[in-house]
Amino acid sequence: MTRVVVAGGSDVERAALCTILHGDVSIETAALGPQLVNIVNSVKRLEPDLVVLVMGGGADNSVEAARRIMGECPKPVVLITAGSLERKDEILARSGALAVLDVPVGSPQQQRFMTMLKAMAEVKVVRRWSSRPPAPRPTAGRAVRGAGQLIAIAASTGGPGALQQIFSGLPPDLVAPIVVVQHIAGGFADSLVRSFSTSGVVVQLAQDGEALKPRTVYIAPDGQHLGVTSRNTVNLSSAPPIEGFRPSATFLFESAAKAFGPQLTAVVLTGMGRDGIAGLPLVRELGGTVFAQDRETCAVFGMPKAAIESGLVDRVLPLGEIAGELSPPVALEGVPA
């Protein structure tokens, strides 16, 4: 059951939105009023999976409510508008919300809307606008982890939370770029990227042809395969789906193996199905390393189970240990590790 709090806007707007949500028996709703203090306090008390704020005529109030929620009791927040709204990117940046969506009209749009909300509810968020200092950057004369290497990660159901934990736990001296295929509902790759608030790591949507930069995470965009080249650049492809997936983890693993060989670490995280498994033989054949998340820490032990049963996994690790084991230290030139 996905627990959703609906707040803000007018009584009529909230009631209309709740009527739409009630069409899905897997969604449980609680409607609140427009008062800022009551919204934040109720979110703290109810601990919902998702907060939906209706902007209505009080856009600033909804934005401030989202900011308060993300600063005091972080939960995935979606802003709803009944009409066209300019500067959505600016509102997202100010509020910390995952997305600004229009009220759906008609059955097909409403079904897609509910699917999108449930996908948003899976995104794990952390406190925004904190005063925590950034992690230290690697300095010259020290050994750094992952120099000249690549980390490729595949995730599906439960993946956003697992990725957040990994990104937040990366050693400060790890500089390898990270490329990620995360299965998520169409139209939400941008929101997924915005949801990752981490220290010392840049998270962005991959763009075709851009150079891979140290300690940067590249997320596969909607509807395109994500790969890399031997020139250390991103390669996006509109080739047909592989086993029903585009982006496909199999495409990512095979591309990364060809480009990086023994310098590749492939990671299979929580998720349903077998995406990525067909790419593991090439990873191992070309000298790469394969990690899989263990059963106990998976939301869904599907993809990791298939990887382990293939006999191609080097190490099975709890989620909390993956970040620290992603890449061995590599000494800088003339400096012992």
C-alpha atoms as a PDB file:
ATOM      1  CA  MET A   1       0.000   0.000   0.000  1.00  0.00           C
ATOM      2  CA  THR A   2       1.329   3.436  -0.993  1.00  0.00           C
ATOM      3  CA  ARG A   3       0.425   6.078   1.598  1.00  0.00           C
ATOM      4  CA  VAL A   4      -0.112   9.535   0.088  1.00  0.00           C
ATOM      5  CA  VAL A   5      -0.805  12.812   1.890  1.00  0.00           C
ATOM      6  CA  VAL A   6      -2.679  15.399  -0.212  1.00  0.00           C
ATOM      7  CA  ALA A   7      -2.486  18.990   1.013  1.00  0.00           C
ATOM      8  CA  GLY A   8      -2.635  22.627  -0.091  1.00  0.00           C
ATOM      9  CA  GLY A   9      -4.984  24.234  -2.581  1.00  0.00           C
ATOM     10  CA  SER A  10      -8.717  24.571  -2.028  1.00  0.00           C
ATOM     11  CA  ASP A  11     -11.169  22.030  -0.624  1.00  0.00           C
ATOM     12  CA  VAL A  12     -12.495  21.412  -4.134  1.00  0.00           C
ATOM     13  CA  GLU A  13      -9.023  20.906  -5.622  1.00  0.00           C
ATOM     14  CA  ARG A  14      -7.978  18.476  -2.898  1.00  0.00           C
ATOM     15  CA  ALA A  15     -11.239  16.528  -3.175  1.00  0.00           C
ATOM     16  CA  ALA A  16     -10.885  16.227  -6.954  1.00  0.00           C
ATOM     17  CA  LEU A  17      -7.346  14.932  -6.636  1.00  0.00           C
ATOM     18  CA  CYS A  18      -8.308  12.435  -3.923  1.00  0.00           C
ATOM     19  CA  THR A  19     -11.120  11.146  -6.156  1.00  0.00           C
ATOM     20  CA  ILE A  20      -8.536  10.342  -8.833  1.00  0.00           C
ATOM     21  CA  LEU A  21      -6.232   8.619  -6.347  1.00  0.00           C
ATOM     22  CA  HIS A  22      -9.089   6.560  -4.917  1.00  0.00           C
ATOM     23  CA  GLY A  23      -9.352   4.886  -8.336  1.00  0.00           C
ATOM     24  CA  ASP A  24      -6.274   2.829  -7.410  1.00  0.00           C
ATOM     25  CA  VAL A  25      -6.884   0.447  -4.497  1.00  0.00           C
ATOM     26  CA  SER A  26      -3.132   0.270  -3.792  1.00  0.00           C
ATOM     27  CA  ILE A  27      -3.059   3.977  -2.854  1.00  0.00           C
ATOM     28  CA  GLU A  28      -4.183   5.131   0.602  1.00  0.00           C
ATOM     29  CA  THR A  29      -4.802   8.874   0.919  1.00  0.00           C
ATOM     30  CA  ALA A  30      -5.050  11.367   3.761  1.00  0.00           C
ATOM     31  CA  ALA A  31      -6.267  14.878   2.917  1.00  0.00           C
ATOM     32  CA  LEU A  32      -5.025  17.895   4.875  1.00  0.00           C
ATOM     33  CA  GLY A  33      -5.830  21.595   4.714  1.00  0.00           C
ATOM     34  CA  PRO A  34      -3.743  24.418   3.216  1.00  0.00           C
ATOM     35  CA  GLN A  35      -2.164  25.662   6.460  1.00  0.00           C
ATOM     36  CA  LEU A  36       1.637  25.470   6.291  1.00  0.00           C
ATOM     37  CA  VAL A  37       2.273  24.540   9.923  1.00  0.00           C
ATOM     38  CA  ASN A  38      -0.407  21.840   9.901  1.00  0.00           C
ATOM     39  CA  ILE A  39       0.971  20.321   6.698  1.00  0.00           C
ATOM     40  CA  VAL A  40       4.511  19.957   8.029  1.00  0.00           C
ATOM     41  CA  ASN A  41       3.434  18.699  11.447  1.00  0.00           C
ATOM     42  CA  SER A  42       1.023  16.183   9.905  1.00  0.00           C
ATOM     43  CA  VAL A  43       3.698  14.830   7.567  1.00  0.00           C
ATOM     44  CA  LYS A  44       5.966  14.311  10.578  1.00  0.00           C
ATOM     45  CA  ARG A  45       3.167  12.464  12.371  1.00  0.00           C
ATOM     46  CA  LEU A  46       1.749  10.395   9.479  1.00  0.00           C
ATOM     47  CA  GLU A  47       5.069   9.354   7.872  1.00  0.00           C
ATOM     48  CA  PRO A  48       3.582   8.980   4.343  1.00  0.00           C
ATOM     49  CA  ASP A  49       5.400   7.477   1.358  1.00  0.00           C
ATOM     50  CA  LEU A  50       4.630  10.559  -0.755  1.00  0.00           C
ATOM     51  CA  VAL A  51       3.392  14.128  -0.204  1.00  0.00           C
ATOM     52  CA  VAL A  52       1.284  15.713  -2.960  1.00  0.00           C
ATOM     53  CA  LEU A  53       0.908  19.499  -2.615  1.00  0.00           C
ATOM     54  CA  VAL A  54      -1.755  21.273  -4.683  1.00  0.00           C
ATOM     55  CA  MET A  55      -0.415  24.675  -5.686  1.00  0.00           C
ATOM     56  CA  GLY A  56      -3.743  26.315  -6.578  1.00  0.00           C
ATOM     57  CA  GLY A  57      -3.654  30.031  -5.862  1.00  0.00           C
ATOM     58  CA  GLY A  58      -1.127  29.608  -3.042  1.00  0.00           C
ATOM     59  CA  ALA A  59       1.922  28.551  -5.014  1.00  0.00           C
ATOM     60  CA  ASP A  60       4.359  30.222  -2.639  1.00  0.00           C
ATOM     61  CA  ASN A  61       2.766  28.483   0.344  1.00  0.00           C
ATOM     62  CA  SER A  62       3.122  25.074  -1.347  1.00  0.00           C
ATOM     63  CA  VAL A  63       6.735  25.764  -2.271  1.00  0.00           C
ATOM     64  CA  GLU A  64       7.508  26.787   1.309  1.00  0.00           C
ATOM     65  CA  ALA A  65       5.719  23.682   2.627  1.00  0.00           C
ATOM     66  CA  ALA A  66       7.853  21.510   0.343  1.00  0.00           C
ATOM     67  CA  ARG A  67      11.012  23.275   1.541  1.00  0.00           C
ATOM     68  CA  ARG A  68      10.030  22.754   5.181  1.00  0.00           C
ATOM     69  CA  ILE A  69       9.274  19.073   4.596  1.00  0.00           C
ATOM     70  CA  MET A  70      12.601  18.497   2.836  1.00  0.00           C
ATOM     71  CA  GLY A  71      14.458  20.327   5.596  1.00  0.00           C
ATOM     72  CA  GLU A  72      12.688  18.863   8.651  1.00  0.00           C
ATOM     73  CA  CYS A  73      11.165  15.477   7.731  1.00  0.00           C
ATOM     74  CA  PRO A  74      12.353  14.492   4.215  1.00  0.00           C
ATOM     75  CA  LYS A  75       9.729  12.743   2.096  1.00  0.00           C
ATOM     76  CA  PRO A  76       9.219  12.590  -1.682  1.00  0.00           C
ATOM     77  CA  VAL A  77       7.166  15.670  -2.612  1.00  0.00           C
ATOM     78  CA  VAL A  78       5.233  16.314  -5.832  1.00  0.00           C
ATOM     79  CA  LEU A  79       3.658  19.702  -6.627  1.00  0.00           C
ATOM     80  CA  ILE A  80       0.365  19.758  -8.556  1.00  0.00           C
ATOM     81  CA  THR A  81      -0.849  22.668 -10.675  1.00  0.00           C
ATOM     82  CA  ALA A  82      -4.271  23.056 -12.297  1.00  0.00           C
ATOM     83  CA  GLY A  83      -2.973  25.192 -15.160  1.00  0.00           C
ATOM     84  CA  SER A  84       0.118  26.061 -17.168  1.00  0.00           C
ATOM     85  CA  LEU A  85       2.981  27.156 -14.966  1.00  0.00           C
ATOM     86  CA  GLU A  86       6.127  28.949 -16.024  1.00  0.00           C
ATOM     87  CA  ARG A  87       9.581  28.467 -14.509  1.00  0.00           C
ATOM     88  CA  LYS A  88       8.930  24.897 -13.320  1.00  0.00           C
ATOM     89  CA  ASP A  89      12.680  24.272 -13.035  1.00  0.00           C
ATOM     90  CA  GLU A  90      13.021  27.316 -10.780  1.00  0.00           C
ATOM     91  CA  ILE A  91      10.159  26.096  -8.582  1.00  0.00           C
ATOM     92  CA  LEU A  92      11.725  22.638  -8.346  1.00  0.00           C
ATOM     93  CA  ALA A  93      15.043  24.155  -7.317  1.00  0.00           C
ATOM     94  CA  ARG A  94      13.386  26.349  -4.680  1.00  0.00           C
ATOM     95  CA  SER A  95      11.132  23.658  -3.257  1.00  0.00           C
ATOM     96  CA  GLY A  96      13.190  20.476  -3.377  1.00  0.00           C
ATOM     97  CA  ALA A  97      10.159  18.663  -4.867  1.00  0.00           C
ATOM     98  CA  LEU A  98      10.682  15.794  -7.306  1.00  0.00           C
ATOM     99  CA  ALA A  99       8.321  17.164  -9.957  1.00  0.00           C
ATOM    100  CA  VAL A 100       5.654  19.726 -10.859  1.00  0.00           C
ATOM    101  CA  LEU A 101       2.743  17.922 -12.542  1.00  0.00           C
ATOM    102  CA  ASP A 102      -0.495  19.085 -14.131  1.00  0.00           C
ATOM    103  CA  VAL A 103      -3.824  17.724 -12.917  1.00  0.00           C
ATOM    104  CA  PRO A 104      -4.573  14.754 -15.198  1.00  0.00           C
ATOM    105  CA  VAL A 105      -7.664  14.917 -17.431  1.00  0.00           C
ATOM    106  CA  GLY A 106      -9.197  11.717 -18.787  1.00  0.00           C
ATOM    107  CA  SER A 107      -8.747   8.078 -17.862  1.00  0.00           C
ATOM    108  CA  PRO A 108      -5.471   7.334 -19.742  1.00  0.00           C
ATOM    109  CA  GLN A 109      -3.772  10.390 -18.259  1.00  0.00           C
ATOM    110  CA  GLN A 110      -5.080   9.566 -14.797  1.00  0.00           C
ATOM    111  CA  GLN A 111      -3.725   6.015 -14.955  1.00  0.00           C
ATOM    112  CA  ARG A 112      -0.306   7.249 -16.048  1.00  0.00           C
ATOM    113  CA  PHE A 113      -0.445   9.918 -13.343  1.00  0.00           C
ATOM    114  CA  MET A 114      -1.031   7.318 -10.619  1.00  0.00           C
ATOM    115  CA  THR A 115       1.735   5.104 -11.981  1.00  0.00           C
ATOM    116  CA  MET A 116       4.079   8.083 -11.876  1.00  0.00           C
ATOM    117  CA  LEU A 117       3.100   8.947  -8.298  1.00  0.00           C
ATOM    118  CA  LYS A 118       3.759   5.390  -7.143  1.00  0.00           C
ATOM    119  CA  ALA A 119       7.165   5.481  -8.805  1.00  0.00           C
ATOM    120  CA  MET A 120       7.899   8.770  -7.053  1.00  0.00           C
ATOM    121  CA  ALA A 121       6.930   7.217  -3.711  1.00  0.00           C
ATOM    122  CA  GLU A 122       9.799   4.717  -4.131  1.00  0.00           C
ATOM    123  CA  VAL A 123      12.404   7.459  -4.363  1.00  0.00           C
ATOM    124  CA  LYS A 124      14.370   7.761  -1.130  1.00  0.00           C
ATOM    125  CA  VAL A 125      15.190  11.338  -0.228  1.00  0.00           C
ATOM    126  CA  VAL A 126      17.518  12.910   2.296  1.00  0.00           C
ATOM    127  CA  ARG A 127      17.485  16.204   4.149  1.00  0.00           C
ATOM    128  CA  ARG A 128      18.011  19.247   1.880  1.00  0.00           C
ATOM    129  CA  TRP A 129      19.689  22.559   2.654  1.00  0.00           C
ATOM    130  CA  SER A 130      21.649  21.103   5.555  1.00  0.00           C
ATOM    131  CA  SER A 131      24.739  22.791   6.946  1.00  0.00           C
ATOM    132  CA  ARG A 132      26.800  19.612   6.699  1.00  0.00           C
ATOM    133  CA  PRO A 133      30.168  20.414   5.067  1.00  0.00           C
ATOM    134  CA  PRO A 134      31.050  18.680   1.792  1.00  0.00           C
ATOM    135  CA  ALA A 135      33.283  15.640   1.812  1.00  0.00           C
ATOM    136  CA  PRO A 136      36.978  16.390   1.275  1.00  0.00           C
ATOM    137  CA  ARG A 137      38.324  16.109  -2.241  1.00  0.00           C
ATOM    138  CA  PRO A 138      41.320  13.917  -3.093  1.00  0.00           C
ATOM    139  CA  THR A 139      44.613  15.794  -2.835  1.00  0.00           C
ATOM    140  CA  ALA A 140      47.828  15.419  -4.817  1.00  0.00           C
ATOM    141  CA  GLY A 141      50.356  12.983  -3.458  1.00  0.00           C
ATOM    142  CA  ARG A 142      47.726  10.598  -2.056  1.00  0.00           C
ATOM    143  CA  ALA A 143      46.535   7.284  -3.388  1.00  0.00           C
ATOM    144  CA  VAL A 144      43.077   7.592  -4.928  1.00  0.00           C
ATOM    145  CA  ARG A 145      40.521   4.881  -5.482  1.00  0.00           C
ATOM    146  CA  GLY A 146      39.298   4.105  -8.967  1.00  0.00           C
ATOM    147  CA  ALA A 147      41.808   6.159 -10.994  1.00  0.00           C
ATOM    148  CA  GLY A 148      41.317   5.127 -14.634  1.00  0.00           C
ATOM    149  CA  GLN A 149      38.391   2.879 -13.730  1.00  0.00           C
ATOM    150  CA  LEU A 150      34.628   2.782 -14.263  1.00  0.00           C
ATOM    151  CA  ILE A 151      31.733   1.633 -12.077  1.00  0.00           C
ATOM    152  CA  ALA A 152      28.540   0.467 -13.857  1.00  0.00           C
ATOM    153  CA  ILE A 153      25.387  -0.124 -11.800  1.00  0.00           C
ATOM    154  CA  ALA A 154      22.069  -1.797 -12.683  1.00  0.00           C
ATOM    155  CA  ALA A 155      18.979  -1.346 -10.477  1.00  0.00           C
ATOM    156  CA  SER A 156      15.225  -1.701 -10.671  1.00  0.00           C
ATOM    157  CA  THR A 157      12.569  -1.978  -7.923  1.00  0.00           C
ATOM    158  CA  GLY A 158      13.966  -0.481  -4.727  1.00  0.00           C
ATOM    159  CA  GLY A 159      16.914   0.936  -6.637  1.00  0.00           C
ATOM    160  CA  PRO A 160      16.522   4.654  -5.857  1.00  0.00           C
ATOM    161  CA  GLY A 161      16.972   4.065  -2.147  1.00  0.00           C
ATOM    162  CA  ALA A 162      19.867   1.672  -2.699  1.00  0.00           C
ATOM    163  CA  LEU A 163      21.596   4.139  -5.020  1.00  0.00           C
ATOM    164  CA  GLN A 164      21.141   6.967  -2.519  1.00  0.00           C
ATOM    165  CA  GLN A 165      22.857   4.898   0.164  1.00  0.00           C
ATOM    166  CA  ILE A 166      25.743   3.987  -2.139  1.00  0.00           C
ATOM    167  CA  PHE A 167      26.292   7.554  -3.370  1.00  0.00           C
ATOM    168  CA  SER A 168      26.225   8.891   0.180  1.00  0.00           C
ATOM    169  CA  GLY A 169      28.721   6.278   1.358  1.00  0.00           C
ATOM    170  CA  LEU A 170      31.370   6.559  -1.352  1.00  0.00           C
ATOM    171  CA  PRO A 171      34.908   6.919   0.041  1.00  0.00           C
ATOM    172  CA  PRO A 172      36.105  10.529  -0.312  1.00  0.00           C
ATOM    173  CA  ASP A 173      39.166   9.353  -2.272  1.00  0.00           C
ATOM    174  CA  LEU A 174      37.184   7.410  -4.904  1.00  0.00           C
ATOM    175  CA  VAL A 175      37.336   9.272  -8.217  1.00  0.00           C
ATOM    176  CA  ALA A 176      35.978   6.730 -10.718  1.00  0.00           C
ATOM    177  CA  PRO A 177      32.983   7.861 -12.805  1.00  0.00           C
ATOM    178  CA  ILE A 178      29.770   5.893 -12.206  1.00  0.00           C
ATOM    179  CA  VAL A 179      27.202   5.023 -14.903  1.00  0.00           C
ATOM    180  CA  VAL A 180      23.745   3.858 -13.864  1.00  0.00           C
ATOM    181  CA  VAL A 181      20.737   2.179 -15.457  1.00  0.00           C
ATOM    182  CA  GLN A 182      17.748   2.500 -13.102  1.00  0.00           C
ATOM    183  CA  HIS A 183      14.362   1.246 -14.279  1.00  0.00           C
ATOM    184  CA  ILE A 184      11.770   3.928 -13.523  1.00  0.00           C
ATOM    185  CA  ALA A 185       8.502   5.097 -15.029  1.00  0.00           C
ATOM    186  CA  GLY A 186       8.855   7.166 -18.196  1.00  0.00           C
ATOM    187  CA  GLY A 187       9.258  10.893 -17.658  1.00  0.00           C
ATOM    188  CA  PHE A 188      10.896  10.614 -14.242  1.00  0.00           C
ATOM    189  CA  ALA A 189      14.614  10.363 -14.964  1.00  0.00           C
ATOM    190  CA  ASP A 190      15.016  14.120 -14.354  1.00  0.00           C
ATOM    191  CA  SER A 191      13.183  13.878 -11.044  1.00  0.00           C
ATOM    192  CA  LEU A 192      15.265  10.867 -10.021  1.00  0.00           C
ATOM    193  CA  VAL A 193      18.458  12.850 -10.579  1.00  0.00           C
ATOM    194  CA  ARG A 194      17.134  15.777  -8.533  1.00  0.00           C
ATOM    195  CA  SER A 195      16.275  13.443  -5.668  1.00  0.00           C
ATOM    196  CA  PHE A 196      19.911  12.522  -5.035  1.00  0.00           C
ATOM    197  CA  SER A 197      21.285  15.058  -2.575  1.00  0.00           C
ATOM    198  CA  THR A 198      24.773  13.783  -1.776  1.00  0.00           C
ATOM    199  CA  SER A 199      28.057  15.192  -0.541  1.00  0.00           C
ATOM    200  CA  GLY A 200      31.060  15.245  -2.836  1.00  0.00           C
ATOM    201  CA  VAL A 201      29.318  13.511  -5.773  1.00  0.00           C
ATOM    202  CA  VAL A 202      27.785  15.139  -8.869  1.00  0.00           C
ATOM    203  CA  VAL A 203      24.695  13.276 -10.153  1.00  0.00           C
ATOM    204  CA  GLN A 204      23.375  14.142 -13.612  1.00  0.00           C
ATOM    205  CA  LEU A 205      21.503  12.799 -16.625  1.00  0.00           C
ATOM    206  CA  ALA A 206      23.925  11.357 -19.170  1.00  0.00           C
ATOM    207  CA  GLN A 207      24.362  13.334 -22.410  1.00  0.00           C
ATOM    208  CA  ASP A 208      25.627  11.754 -25.591  1.00  0.00           C
ATOM    209  CA  GLY A 209      29.299  12.434 -26.318  1.00  0.00           C
ATOM    210  CA  GLU A 210      30.166  14.121 -23.019  1.00  0.00           C
ATOM    211  CA  ALA A 211      33.447  13.222 -21.364  1.00  0.00           C
ATOM    212  CA  LEU A 212      33.337  11.033 -18.285  1.00  0.00           C
ATOM    213  CA  LYS A 213      34.454  13.082 -15.304  1.00  0.00           C
ATOM    214  CA  PRO A 214      35.879  11.852 -11.991  1.00  0.00           C
ATOM    215  CA  ARG A 215      33.476  11.253  -9.110  1.00  0.00           C
ATOM    216  CA  THR A 216      30.450  11.974 -11.294  1.00  0.00           C
ATOM    217  CA  VAL A 217      27.344   9.795 -11.575  1.00  0.00           C
ATOM    218  CA  TYR A 218      25.639   9.502 -14.981  1.00  0.00           C
ATOM    219  CA  ILE A 219      21.994   8.317 -14.978  1.00  0.00           C
ATOM    220  CA  ALA A 220      20.501   6.814 -18.145  1.00  0.00           C
ATOM    221  CA  PRO A 221      17.840   9.129 -19.644  1.00  0.00           C
ATOM    222  CA  ASP A 222      14.327   7.970 -20.532  1.00  0.00           C
ATOM    223  CA  GLY A 223      14.065   5.746 -23.590  1.00  0.00           C
ATOM    224  CA  GLN A 224      17.778   5.550 -24.449  1.00  0.00           C
ATOM    225  CA  HIS A 225      20.442   2.960 -23.837  1.00  0.00           C
ATOM    226  CA  LEU A 226      23.437   4.186 -21.863  1.00  0.00           C
ATOM    227  CA  GLY A 227      26.936   3.068 -22.853  1.00  0.00           C
ATOM    228  CA  VAL A 228      30.511   4.346 -22.809  1.00  0.00           C
ATOM    229  CA  THR A 229      33.342   4.455 -25.325  1.00  0.00           C
ATOM    230  CA  SER A 230      37.053   3.712 -25.149  1.00  0.00           C
ATOM    231  CA  ARG A 231      37.574   7.486 -25.484  1.00  0.00           C
ATOM    232  CA  ASN A 232      36.037   7.898 -22.003  1.00  0.00           C
ATOM    233  CA  THR A 233      32.830   9.454 -23.311  1.00  0.00           C
ATOM    234  CA  VAL A 234      29.120   8.729 -22.914  1.00  0.00           C
ATOM    235  CA  ASN A 235      27.363   6.876 -25.719  1.00  0.00           C
ATOM    236  CA  LEU A 236      23.556   7.089 -25.851  1.00  0.00           C
ATOM    237  CA  SER A 237      21.696   4.821 -28.262  1.00  0.00           C
ATOM    238  CA  SER A 238      18.143   4.467 -29.559  1.00  0.00           C
ATOM    239  CA  ALA A 239      18.746   0.838 -30.573  1.00  0.00           C
ATOM    240  CA  PRO A 240      15.810  -1.545 -29.968  1.00  0.00           C
ATOM    241  CA  PRO A 241      15.028  -2.555 -26.374  1.00  0.00           C
ATOM    242  CA  ILE A 242      16.906  -5.556 -25.016  1.00  0.00           C
ATOM    243  CA  GLU A 243      14.608  -8.060 -23.306  1.00  0.00           C
ATOM    244  CA  GLY A 244      12.011  -5.298 -23.139  1.00  0.00           C
ATOM    245  CA  PHE A 245      14.273  -2.649 -21.597  1.00  0.00           C
ATOM    246  CA  ARG A 246      15.598   0.632 -22.942  1.00  0.00           C
ATOM    247  CA  PRO A 247      17.715   1.689 -21.143  1.00  0.00           C
ATOM    248  CA  SER A 248      19.093  -1.807 -20.638  1.00  0.00           C
ATOM    249  CA  ALA A 249      21.685  -2.874 -18.099  1.00  0.00           C
ATOM    250  CA  THR A 250      22.876  -5.538 -20.548  1.00  0.00           C
ATOM    251  CA  PHE A 251      23.709  -2.800 -23.059  1.00  0.00           C
ATOM    252  CA  LEU A 252      25.517  -0.852 -20.330  1.00  0.00           C
ATOM    253  CA  PHE A 253      27.567  -3.789 -19.051  1.00  0.00           C
ATOM    254  CA  GLU A 254      28.637  -4.956 -22.526  1.00  0.00           C
ATOM    255  CA  SER A 255      29.565  -1.442 -23.625  1.00  0.00           C
ATOM    256  CA  ALA A 256      31.512  -0.775 -20.430  1.00  0.00           C
ATOM    257  CA  ALA A 257      33.315  -4.113 -20.619  1.00  0.00           C
ATOM    258  CA  LYS A 258      34.496  -3.416 -24.174  1.00  0.00           C
ATOM    259  CA  ALA A 259      35.735   0.054 -23.238  1.00  0.00           C
ATOM    260  CA  PHE A 260      37.263  -0.599 -19.804  1.00  0.00           C
ATOM    261  CA  GLY A 261      38.006  -4.338 -19.630  1.00  0.00           C
ATOM    262  CA  PRO A 262      39.658  -5.222 -16.290  1.00  0.00           C
ATOM    263  CA  GLN A 263      39.137  -1.649 -15.059  1.00  0.00           C
ATOM    264  CA  LEU A 264      35.349  -2.172 -14.859  1.00  0.00           C
ATOM    265  CA  THR A 265      33.340  -2.974 -11.742  1.00  0.00           C
ATOM    266  CA  ALA A 266      29.751  -4.002 -12.555  1.00  0.00           C
ATOM    267  CA  VAL A 267      27.168  -3.930  -9.744  1.00  0.00           C
ATOM    268  CA  VAL A 268      23.730  -5.604  -9.795  1.00  0.00           C
ATOM    269  CA  LEU A 269      21.331  -4.111  -7.248  1.00  0.00           C
ATOM    270  CA  THR A 270      17.788  -4.842  -6.099  1.00  0.00           C
ATOM    271  CA  GLY A 271      15.130  -5.349  -8.762  1.00  0.00           C
ATOM    272  CA  MET A 272      12.776  -7.741 -10.529  1.00  0.00           C
ATOM    273  CA  GLY A 273      13.724  -9.757 -13.593  1.00  0.00           C
ATOM    274  CA  ARG A 274      17.050 -10.476 -15.272  1.00  0.00           C
ATOM    275  CA  ASP A 275      18.122  -7.226 -16.932  1.00  0.00           C
ATOM    276  CA  GLY A 276      21.908  -7.012 -17.135  1.00  0.00           C
ATOM    277  CA  ILE A 277      22.580 -10.720 -16.646  1.00  0.00           C
ATOM    278  CA  ALA A 278      23.248 -11.315 -20.363  1.00  0.00           C
ATOM    279  CA  GLY A 279      25.997  -8.690 -20.210  1.00  0.00           C
ATOM    280  CA  LEU A 280      27.929 -10.289 -17.357  1.00  0.00           C
ATOM    281  CA  PRO A 281      29.718 -12.992 -19.407  1.00  0.00           C
ATOM    282  CA  LEU A 282      31.523 -10.297 -21.410  1.00  0.00           C
ATOM    283  CA  VAL A 283      32.391  -8.378 -18.241  1.00  0.00           C
ATOM    284  CA  ARG A 284      34.084 -11.467 -16.810  1.00  0.00           C
ATOM    285  CA  GLU A 285      35.638 -12.525 -20.127  1.00  0.00           C
ATOM    286  CA  LEU A 286      37.389  -9.151 -20.457  1.00  0.00           C
ATOM    287  CA  GLY A 287      38.632  -9.174 -16.858  1.00  0.00           C
ATOM    288  CA  GLY A 288      36.033  -7.024 -15.098  1.00  0.00           C
ATOM    289  CA  THR A 289      34.655  -7.542 -11.583  1.00  0.00           C
ATOM    290  CA  VAL A 290      31.002  -8.237 -10.699  1.00  0.00           C
ATOM    291  CA  PHE A 291      29.285  -7.454  -7.385  1.00  0.00           C
ATOM    292  CA  ALA A 292      25.709  -8.362  -6.442  1.00  0.00           C
ATOM    293  CA  GLN A 293      23.580  -7.083  -3.559  1.00  0.00           C
ATOM    294  CA  ASP A 294      22.681  -9.759  -1.008  1.00  0.00           C
ATOM    295  CA  ARG A 295      19.179 -11.104  -0.399  1.00  0.00           C
ATOM    296  CA  GLU A 296      18.759  -9.607   3.063  1.00  0.00           C
ATOM    297  CA  THR A 297      19.190  -5.981   1.967  1.00  0.00           C
ATOM    298  CA  CYS A 298      17.282  -6.190  -1.346  1.00  0.00           C
ATOM    299  CA  ALA A 299      13.775  -4.812  -1.754  1.00  0.00           C
ATOM    300  CA  VAL A 300      13.352  -7.442  -4.503  1.00  0.00           C
ATOM    301  CA  PHE A 301      15.933 -10.220  -4.815  1.00  0.00           C
ATOM    302  CA  GLY A 302      15.371 -10.812  -8.541  1.00  0.00           C
ATOM    303  CA  MET A 303      18.222  -9.353 -10.595  1.00  0.00           C
ATOM    304  CA  PRO A 304      20.914 -10.092  -7.959  1.00  0.00           C
ATOM    305  CA  LYS A 305      19.609 -13.664  -7.567  1.00  0.00           C
ATOM    306  CA  ALA A 306      19.786 -14.232 -11.332  1.00  0.00           C
ATOM    307  CA  ALA A 307      23.316 -12.808 -11.400  1.00  0.00           C
ATOM    308  CA  ILE A 308      24.460 -15.026  -8.528  1.00  0.00           C
ATOM    309  CA  GLU A 309      22.887 -18.126 -10.080  1.00  0.00           C
ATOM    310  CA  SER A 310      24.741 -17.414 -13.332  1.00  0.00           C
ATOM    311  CA  GLY A 311      28.016 -18.100 -11.530  1.00  0.00           C
ATOM    312  CA  LEU A 312      29.486 -14.813 -12.784  1.00  0.00           C
ATOM    313  CA  VAL A 313      29.465 -12.815  -9.524  1.00  0.00           C
ATOM    314  CA  ASP A 314      32.767 -12.245  -7.752  1.00  0.00           C
ATOM    315  CA  ARG A 315      31.302 -10.957  -4.475  1.00  0.00           C
ATOM    316  CA  VAL A 316      27.862 -10.849  -2.844  1.00  0.00           C
ATOM    317  CA  LEU A 317      27.664  -7.861  -0.500  1.00  0.00           C
ATOM    318  CA  PRO A 318      25.156  -6.227   1.854  1.00  0.00           C
ATOM    319  CA  LEU A 319      24.048  -2.835   0.558  1.00  0.00           C
ATOM    320  CA  GLY A 320      25.892  -1.012   3.332  1.00  0.00           C
ATOM    321  CA  GLU A 321      29.247  -2.489   2.272  1.00  0.00           C
ATOM    322  CA  ILE A 322      29.079  -1.919  -1.489  1.00  0.00           C
ATOM    323  CA  ALA A 323      30.224   1.722  -1.546  1.00  0.00           C
ATOM    324  CA  GLY A 324      33.401   1.005   0.377  1.00  0.00           C
ATOM    325  CA  GLU A 325      34.313  -1.979  -1.813  1.00  0.00           C
ATOM    326  CA  LEU A 326      33.683  -0.522  -5.251  1.00  0.00           C
ATOM    327  CA  SER A 327      37.273  -0.023  -6.288  1.00  0.00           C
ATOM    328  CA  PRO A 328      40.716  -0.834  -4.868  1.00  0.00           C
ATOM    329  CA  PRO A 329      43.189   1.970  -4.139  1.00  0.00           C
ATOM    330  CA  VAL A 330      45.409   2.888  -7.067  1.00  0.00           C
ATOM    331  CA  ALA A 331      48.600   4.851  -6.421  1.00  0.00           C
ATOM    332  CA  LEU A 332      49.326   8.084  -8.199  1.00  0.00           C
ATOM    333  CA  GLU A 333      52.449   8.078 -10.363  1.00  0.00           C
ATOM    334  CA  GLY A 334      55.564   7.836  -8.228  1.00  0.00           C
ATOM    335  CA  VAL A 335      53.569   7.426  -5.018  1.00  0.00           C
ATOM    336  CA  PRO A 336      53.181   4.007  -3.350  1.00  0.00           C
ATOM    337  CA  ALA A 337      49.601   2.895  -2.555  1.00  0.00           C
END
